[in-house]
Amino acid sequence: MVGLAELESILEEDFLTLLEFDRTVDRYEVQPVTVQYTDAEGKPRHYTLDVLIHYRPAEEVGDALAPRRDGNSAPEP
């Protein structure tokens, strides 16, 4: 883990806990990157990645966490 994580949801807390025990994870960074962009209507926007995961040996995967549309945070079948 890099730094202290500020958690925005129980889903994020659960996900980070799983990363702590995943032996394939070398380290992870919480909210490491904010991307600036312009939407289709020309308005400036930004998006912050929830977590950047560094796997062993050297693979990096970015992920966004969100509950399902029905409000349930359980994984869909």
C-alpha atoms as a PDB file:
ATOM      1  CA  MET A   1       0.000   0.000   0.000  1.00  0.00           C
ATOM      2  CA  VAL A   2       1.171   3.537  -0.711  1.00  0.00           C
ATOM      3  CA  GLY A   3       0.142   6.108   1.910  1.00  0.00           C
ATOM      4  CA  LEU A   4      -3.049   6.079   3.944  1.00  0.00           C
ATOM      5  CA  ALA A   5      -6.256   5.422   2.091  1.00  0.00           C
ATOM      6  CA  GLU A   6      -9.200   7.784   2.428  1.00  0.00           C
ATOM      7  CA  LEU A   7     -12.175   5.540   1.866  1.00  0.00           C
ATOM      8  CA  GLU A   8     -15.367   6.792   0.274  1.00  0.00           C
ATOM      9  CA  SER A   9     -17.447   3.630   0.686  1.00  0.00           C
ATOM     10  CA  ILE A  10     -17.653   0.229   2.313  1.00  0.00           C
ATOM     11  CA  LEU A  11     -17.144  -1.229  -1.165  1.00  0.00           C
ATOM     12  CA  GLU A  12     -13.750   0.507  -1.401  1.00  0.00           C
ATOM     13  CA  GLU A  13     -12.821  -0.619   2.115  1.00  0.00           C
ATOM     14  CA  ASP A  14     -13.676  -4.237   1.270  1.00  0.00           C
ATOM     15  CA  PHE A  15     -11.778  -4.083  -2.015  1.00  0.00           C
ATOM     16  CA  LEU A  16      -8.641  -2.652  -0.381  1.00  0.00           C
ATOM     17  CA  THR A  17      -8.835  -5.307   2.325  1.00  0.00           C
ATOM     18  CA  LEU A  18      -8.862  -7.981  -0.376  1.00  0.00           C
ATOM     19  CA  LEU A  19      -5.815  -6.370  -1.993  1.00  0.00           C
ATOM     20  CA  GLU A  20      -3.948  -6.488   1.325  1.00  0.00           C
ATOM     21  CA  PHE A  21      -4.268 -10.289   1.349  1.00  0.00           C
ATOM     22  CA  ASP A  22      -3.751 -10.909  -2.383  1.00  0.00           C
ATOM     23  CA  ARG A  23      -0.271 -12.381  -2.809  1.00  0.00           C
ATOM     24  CA  THR A  24      -0.185 -11.368  -6.474  1.00  0.00           C
ATOM     25  CA  VAL A  25      -0.402  -7.665  -5.515  1.00  0.00           C
ATOM     26  CA  ASP A  26       2.950  -5.936  -5.085  1.00  0.00           C
ATOM     27  CA  ARG A  27       1.408  -2.613  -3.983  1.00  0.00           C
ATOM     28  CA  TYR A  28      -1.509  -0.297  -4.721  1.00  0.00           C
ATOM     29  CA  GLU A  29      -2.177   3.434  -4.809  1.00  0.00           C
ATOM     30  CA  VAL A  30      -5.488   5.021  -3.836  1.00  0.00           C
ATOM     31  CA  GLN A  31      -6.740   7.814  -6.132  1.00  0.00           C
ATOM     32  CA  PRO A  32      -3.372   8.099  -7.900  1.00  0.00           C
ATOM     33  CA  VAL A  33      -4.399   9.862 -11.096  1.00  0.00           C
ATOM     34  CA  THR A  34      -6.907  12.516 -12.122  1.00  0.00           C
ATOM     35  CA  VAL A  35      -7.619  12.778 -15.842  1.00  0.00           C
ATOM     36  CA  GLN A  36      -8.764  16.117 -17.269  1.00  0.00           C
ATOM     37  CA  TYR A  37     -10.941  15.972 -20.395  1.00  0.00           C
ATOM     38  CA  THR A  38     -13.610  17.843 -22.356  1.00  0.00           C
ATOM     39  CA  ASP A  39     -17.026  16.193 -22.721  1.00  0.00           C
ATOM     40  CA  ALA A  40     -19.132  16.050 -25.900  1.00  0.00           C
ATOM     41  CA  GLU A  41     -20.733  19.411 -25.001  1.00  0.00           C
ATOM     42  CA  GLY A  42     -17.345  21.108 -24.621  1.00  0.00           C
ATOM     43  CA  LYS A  43     -17.463  21.258 -20.816  1.00  0.00           C
ATOM     44  CA  PRO A  44     -14.219  20.601 -18.921  1.00  0.00           C
ATOM     45  CA  ARG A  45     -14.463  17.495 -16.756  1.00  0.00           C
ATOM     46  CA  HIS A  46     -12.208  15.340 -14.606  1.00  0.00           C
ATOM     47  CA  TYR A  47     -12.164  11.729 -13.468  1.00  0.00           C
ATOM     48  CA  THR A  48     -10.114  10.313 -10.605  1.00  0.00           C
ATOM     49  CA  LEU A  49      -9.129   6.656 -10.733  1.00  0.00           C
ATOM     50  CA  ASP A  50     -10.130   4.821  -7.534  1.00  0.00           C
ATOM     51  CA  VAL A  51      -7.105   2.555  -7.278  1.00  0.00           C
ATOM     52  CA  LEU A  52      -3.983   1.656  -9.255  1.00  0.00           C
ATOM     53  CA  ILE A  53      -2.870  -1.912  -8.577  1.00  0.00           C
ATOM     54  CA  HIS A  54       0.710  -3.027  -9.186  1.00  0.00           C
ATOM     55  CA  TYR A  55       0.779  -6.802  -9.614  1.00  0.00           C
ATOM     56  CA  ARG A  56       3.787  -9.096  -9.493  1.00  0.00           C
ATOM     57  CA  PRO A  57       5.928  -9.268 -11.513  1.00  0.00           C
ATOM     58  CA  ALA A  58       5.215  -5.930 -13.249  1.00  0.00           C
ATOM     59  CA  GLU A  59       1.607  -5.622 -14.460  1.00  0.00           C
ATOM     60  CA  GLU A  60      -0.429  -2.492 -13.598  1.00  0.00           C
ATOM     61  CA  VAL A  61      -4.225  -2.383 -13.607  1.00  0.00           C
ATOM     62  CA  GLY A  62      -6.427   0.643 -12.902  1.00  0.00           C
ATOM     63  CA  ASP A  63      -9.900   0.077 -11.500  1.00  0.00           C
ATOM     64  CA  ALA A  64     -13.029   2.054 -10.694  1.00  0.00           C
ATOM     65  CA  LEU A  65     -15.337   0.856  -7.945  1.00  0.00           C
ATOM     66  CA  ALA A  66     -19.073   1.400  -7.924  1.00  0.00           C
ATOM     67  CA  PRO A  67     -22.090  -0.398  -6.525  1.00  0.00           C
ATOM     68  CA  ARG A  68     -24.425  -2.191  -8.883  1.00  0.00           C
ATOM     69  CA  ARG A  69     -27.251  -0.159 -10.382  1.00  0.00           C
ATOM     70  CA  ASP A  70     -29.754  -1.774  -7.998  1.00  0.00           C
ATOM     71  CA  GLY A  71     -27.766  -0.370  -5.042  1.00  0.00           C
ATOM     72  CA  ASN A  72     -26.467  -3.760  -3.949  1.00  0.00           C
ATOM     73  CA  SER A  73     -22.684  -3.943  -3.606  1.00  0.00           C
ATOM     74  CA  ALA A  74     -22.629  -7.740  -3.958  1.00  0.00           C
ATOM     75  CA  PRO A  75     -21.011  -8.995  -7.173  1.00  0.00           C
ATOM     76  CA  GLU A  76     -23.301  -9.782 -10.051  1.00  0.00           C
ATOM     77  CA  PRO A  77     -23.535 -13.491 -10.941  1.00  0.00           C
END
